[in-house]
Amino acid sequence: MAIGFRPFLGAVTLAAAAVVSGSAVAQASPAVGSWDLTMTTPIGERKSTMTIAPTGGTYTVSFRNAPGADPLEETISDIRIEGNSFAFKRSVGIEQGQIELNYSGTVDGNALTGKVASQFGEFDLKGSRAG
């Protein structure tokens, strides 16, 4: 029984080390964290909170809308985080159909700047690290 347990324990230790090292690489990006965002559009400012998190050597991006805003059905894809830069696609379902938003930007300390491109034009994006 002990002979079978040692290879299992070794495999678990190796797998855990791989996850930790992958996460450590992912966490090295200054973009990781939660960001209070403001997107400036022709119909006013849109506020939300975006979270970029390391997940198994890659990243996930999620959004929480401002309090009182309707929840959105969305899909986030094509996530690219390189150093202090980020880019991804966000497909959002609204009453009129699907909108594809292409986010890109950079992080400098606790400040985020970027653009959001859509079929309606390109909008400025600003943010600060959520506290």
C-alpha atoms as a PDB file:
ATOM      1  CA  MET A   1       0.000   0.000   0.000  1.00  0.00           C
ATOM      2  CA  ALA A   2       2.818   2.447   0.814  1.00  0.00           C
ATOM      3  CA  ILE A   3       4.513   1.689  -2.526  1.00  0.00           C
ATOM      4  CA  GLY A   4       1.410   2.773  -4.463  1.00  0.00           C
ATOM      5  CA  PHE A   5       0.953   5.834  -2.278  1.00  0.00           C
ATOM      6  CA  ARG A   6       4.421   7.329  -2.930  1.00  0.00           C
ATOM      7  CA  PRO A   7       4.022   7.659  -6.714  1.00  0.00           C
ATOM      8  CA  PHE A   8       0.567   9.180  -6.115  1.00  0.00           C
ATOM      9  CA  LEU A   9       1.974  11.660  -3.584  1.00  0.00           C
ATOM     10  CA  GLY A  10       4.798  12.559  -5.998  1.00  0.00           C
ATOM     11  CA  ALA A  11       2.339  13.161  -8.825  1.00  0.00           C
ATOM     12  CA  VAL A  12       0.151  15.355  -6.611  1.00  0.00           C
ATOM     13  CA  THR A  13       3.189  17.369  -5.476  1.00  0.00           C
ATOM     14  CA  LEU A  14       4.364  17.834  -9.074  1.00  0.00           C
ATOM     15  CA  ALA A  15       0.885  18.886 -10.213  1.00  0.00           C
ATOM     16  CA  ALA A  16       0.605  21.378  -7.345  1.00  0.00           C
ATOM     17  CA  ALA A  17       3.999  22.857  -8.228  1.00  0.00           C
ATOM     18  CA  ALA A  18       2.906  23.279 -11.847  1.00  0.00           C
ATOM     19  CA  VAL A  19      -0.271  25.083 -10.804  1.00  0.00           C
ATOM     20  CA  VAL A  20       1.610  27.347  -8.405  1.00  0.00           C
ATOM     21  CA  SER A  21       4.276  28.231 -10.969  1.00  0.00           C
ATOM     22  CA  GLY A  22       1.654  28.886 -13.670  1.00  0.00           C
ATOM     23  CA  SER A  23      -0.304  31.106 -11.305  1.00  0.00           C
ATOM     24  CA  ALA A  24       2.834  32.908 -10.207  1.00  0.00           C
ATOM     25  CA  VAL A  25       3.576  33.767 -13.842  1.00  0.00           C
ATOM     26  CA  ALA A  26      -0.029  34.882 -14.414  1.00  0.00           C
ATOM     27  CA  GLN A  27      -0.065  37.017 -11.256  1.00  0.00           C
ATOM     28  CA  ALA A  28       3.061  38.857 -12.415  1.00  0.00           C
ATOM     29  CA  SER A  29       0.923  41.049 -14.698  1.00  0.00           C
ATOM     30  CA  PRO A  30      -0.043  44.405 -13.186  1.00  0.00           C
ATOM     31  CA  ALA A  31      -3.423  44.020 -14.926  1.00  0.00           C
ATOM     32  CA  VAL A  32      -4.463  41.311 -12.439  1.00  0.00           C
ATOM     33  CA  GLY A  33      -7.014  42.573  -9.925  1.00  0.00           C
ATOM     34  CA  SER A  34     -10.322  44.419  -9.763  1.00  0.00           C
ATOM     35  CA  TRP A  35     -10.839  47.715 -11.567  1.00  0.00           C
ATOM     36  CA  ASP A  36     -13.548  50.362 -11.201  1.00  0.00           C
ATOM     37  CA  LEU A  37     -14.172  51.381 -14.818  1.00  0.00           C
ATOM     38  CA  THR A  38     -15.837  54.271 -16.596  1.00  0.00           C
ATOM     39  CA  MET A  39     -16.524  54.006 -20.322  1.00  0.00           C
ATOM     40  CA  THR A  40     -17.404  57.328 -21.966  1.00  0.00           C
ATOM     41  CA  THR A  41     -20.036  56.926 -24.713  1.00  0.00           C
ATOM     42  CA  PRO A  42     -22.176  59.396 -26.696  1.00  0.00           C
ATOM     43  CA  ILE A  43     -25.127  58.507 -24.443  1.00  0.00           C
ATOM     44  CA  GLY A  44     -23.209  59.004 -21.191  1.00  0.00           C
ATOM     45  CA  GLU A  45     -20.812  57.272 -18.894  1.00  0.00           C
ATOM     46  CA  ARG A  46     -21.149  53.566 -18.217  1.00  0.00           C
ATOM     47  CA  LYS A  47     -19.668  52.296 -14.958  1.00  0.00           C
ATOM     48  CA  SER A  48     -18.729  48.735 -14.030  1.00  0.00           C
ATOM     49  CA  THR A  49     -16.149  46.741 -12.135  1.00  0.00           C
ATOM     50  CA  MET A  50     -13.858  44.431 -14.095  1.00  0.00           C
ATOM     51  CA  THR A  51     -11.821  41.651 -12.527  1.00  0.00           C
ATOM     52  CA  ILE A  52      -8.840  40.027 -14.231  1.00  0.00           C
ATOM     53  CA  ALA A  53      -7.767  36.848 -12.449  1.00  0.00           C
ATOM     54  CA  PRO A  54      -5.099  34.236 -13.109  1.00  0.00           C
ATOM     55  CA  THR A  55      -6.520  30.763 -13.669  1.00  0.00           C
ATOM     56  CA  GLY A  56      -4.217  27.815 -14.252  1.00  0.00           C
ATOM     57  CA  GLY A  57      -1.551  29.722 -16.184  1.00  0.00           C
ATOM     58  CA  THR A  58      -4.082  31.779 -18.152  1.00  0.00           C
ATOM     59  CA  TYR A  59      -6.589  34.491 -17.224  1.00  0.00           C
ATOM     60  CA  THR A  60     -10.296  35.069 -16.763  1.00  0.00           C
ATOM     61  CA  VAL A  61     -12.111  38.390 -17.069  1.00  0.00           C
ATOM     62  CA  SER A  62     -15.442  39.107 -15.415  1.00  0.00           C
ATOM     63  CA  PHE A  63     -17.659  42.160 -14.987  1.00  0.00           C
ATOM     64  CA  ARG A  64     -20.053  43.433 -12.350  1.00  0.00           C
ATOM     65  CA  ASN A  65     -22.308  46.273 -13.457  1.00  0.00           C
ATOM     66  CA  ALA A  66     -22.976  49.375 -11.422  1.00  0.00           C
ATOM     67  CA  PRO A  67     -25.580  48.950  -8.653  1.00  0.00           C
ATOM     68  CA  GLY A  68     -29.094  49.224 -10.063  1.00  0.00           C
ATOM     69  CA  ALA A  69     -28.052  48.328 -13.622  1.00  0.00           C
ATOM     70  CA  ASP A  70     -29.723  45.412 -15.353  1.00  0.00           C
ATOM     71  CA  PRO A  71     -27.645  42.212 -15.369  1.00  0.00           C
ATOM     72  CA  LEU A  72     -26.157  41.353 -18.751  1.00  0.00           C
ATOM     73  CA  GLU A  73     -25.702  38.021 -20.469  1.00  0.00           C
ATOM     74  CA  GLU A  74     -22.152  38.036 -21.736  1.00  0.00           C
ATOM     75  CA  THR A  75     -19.310  35.946 -23.077  1.00  0.00           C
ATOM     76  CA  ILE A  76     -15.679  36.961 -22.782  1.00  0.00           C
ATOM     77  CA  SER A  77     -13.119  35.486 -25.187  1.00  0.00           C
ATOM     78  CA  ASP A  78      -9.735  36.024 -26.833  1.00  0.00           C
ATOM     79  CA  ILE A  79      -8.154  37.195 -23.573  1.00  0.00           C
ATOM     80  CA  ARG A  80      -4.592  38.445 -24.015  1.00  0.00           C
ATOM     81  CA  ILE A  81      -2.604  39.729 -21.062  1.00  0.00           C
ATOM     82  CA  GLU A  82       1.011  40.665 -21.785  1.00  0.00           C
ATOM     83  CA  GLY A  83       2.945  42.620 -19.196  1.00  0.00           C
ATOM     84  CA  ASN A  84       0.902  45.701 -18.371  1.00  0.00           C
ATOM     85  CA  SER A  85      -1.297  45.413 -21.520  1.00  0.00           C
ATOM     86  CA  PHE A  86      -4.648  43.668 -21.874  1.00  0.00           C
ATOM     87  CA  ALA A  87      -7.108  42.917 -24.669  1.00  0.00           C
ATOM     88  CA  PHE A  88     -10.237  40.764 -24.961  1.00  0.00           C
ATOM     89  CA  LYS A  89     -13.620  40.501 -26.644  1.00  0.00           C
ATOM     90  CA  ARG A  90     -16.864  40.866 -24.698  1.00  0.00           C
ATOM     91  CA  SER A  91     -20.091  39.798 -26.382  1.00  0.00           C
ATOM     92  CA  VAL A  92     -23.080  41.289 -24.558  1.00  0.00           C
ATOM     93  CA  GLY A  93     -26.757  40.448 -25.050  1.00  0.00           C
ATOM     94  CA  ILE A  94     -29.111  43.431 -24.989  1.00  0.00           C
ATOM     95  CA  GLU A  95     -32.742  43.917 -26.070  1.00  0.00           C
ATOM     96  CA  GLN A  96     -31.683  44.730 -29.630  1.00  0.00           C
ATOM     97  CA  GLY A  97     -29.384  41.684 -29.940  1.00  0.00           C
ATOM     98  CA  GLN A  98     -25.703  40.932 -29.410  1.00  0.00           C
ATOM     99  CA  ILE A  99     -23.038  43.626 -29.258  1.00  0.00           C
ATOM    100  CA  GLU A 100     -19.348  42.777 -29.561  1.00  0.00           C
ATOM    101  CA  LEU A 101     -17.048  45.027 -27.563  1.00  0.00           C
ATOM    102  CA  ASN A 102     -13.284  44.855 -28.113  1.00  0.00           C
ATOM    103  CA  TYR A 103     -11.382  46.048 -25.048  1.00  0.00           C
ATOM    104  CA  SER A 104      -7.702  47.021 -25.079  1.00  0.00           C
ATOM    105  CA  GLY A 105      -5.569  49.037 -22.727  1.00  0.00           C
ATOM    106  CA  THR A 106      -2.698  49.334 -20.337  1.00  0.00           C
ATOM    107  CA  VAL A 107      -2.174  49.523 -16.610  1.00  0.00           C
ATOM    108  CA  ASP A 108       0.209  51.955 -14.917  1.00  0.00           C
ATOM    109  CA  GLY A 109       0.284  51.392 -11.169  1.00  0.00           C
ATOM    110  CA  ASN A 110      -3.289  51.851  -9.933  1.00  0.00           C
ATOM    111  CA  ALA A 111      -4.531  53.522 -13.146  1.00  0.00           C
ATOM    112  CA  LEU A 112      -5.992  51.845 -16.226  1.00  0.00           C
ATOM    113  CA  THR A 113      -6.536  53.494 -19.625  1.00  0.00           C
ATOM    114  CA  GLY A 114      -7.857  52.007 -22.800  1.00  0.00           C
ATOM    115  CA  LYS A 115     -10.388  51.871 -25.590  1.00  0.00           C
ATOM    116  CA  VAL A 116     -13.552  49.889 -26.251  1.00  0.00           C
ATOM    117  CA  ALA A 117     -14.350  49.394 -29.933  1.00  0.00           C
ATOM    118  CA  SER A 118     -17.813  48.382 -31.158  1.00  0.00           C
ATOM    119  CA  GLN A 119     -20.081  48.722 -34.163  1.00  0.00           C
ATOM    120  CA  PHE A 120     -21.155  52.061 -32.630  1.00  0.00           C
ATOM    121  CA  GLY A 121     -17.623  53.503 -32.539  1.00  0.00           C
ATOM    122  CA  GLU A 122     -14.646  53.572 -30.210  1.00  0.00           C
ATOM    123  CA  PHE A 123     -14.972  54.802 -26.629  1.00  0.00           C
ATOM    124  CA  ASP A 124     -12.473  55.853 -23.975  1.00  0.00           C
ATOM    125  CA  LEU A 125     -12.034  53.599 -20.976  1.00  0.00           C
ATOM    126  CA  LYS A 126     -10.550  54.742 -17.668  1.00  0.00           C
ATOM    127  CA  GLY A 127     -10.240  52.943 -14.404  1.00  0.00           C
ATOM    128  CA  SER A 128      -8.653  52.733 -11.021  1.00  0.00           C
ATOM    129  CA  ARG A 129      -7.792  49.750  -8.902  1.00  0.00           C
ATOM    130  CA  ALA A 130     -10.836  48.810  -6.831  1.00  0.00           C
ATOM    131  CA  GLY A 131     -10.222  49.137  -3.115  1.00  0.00           C
END
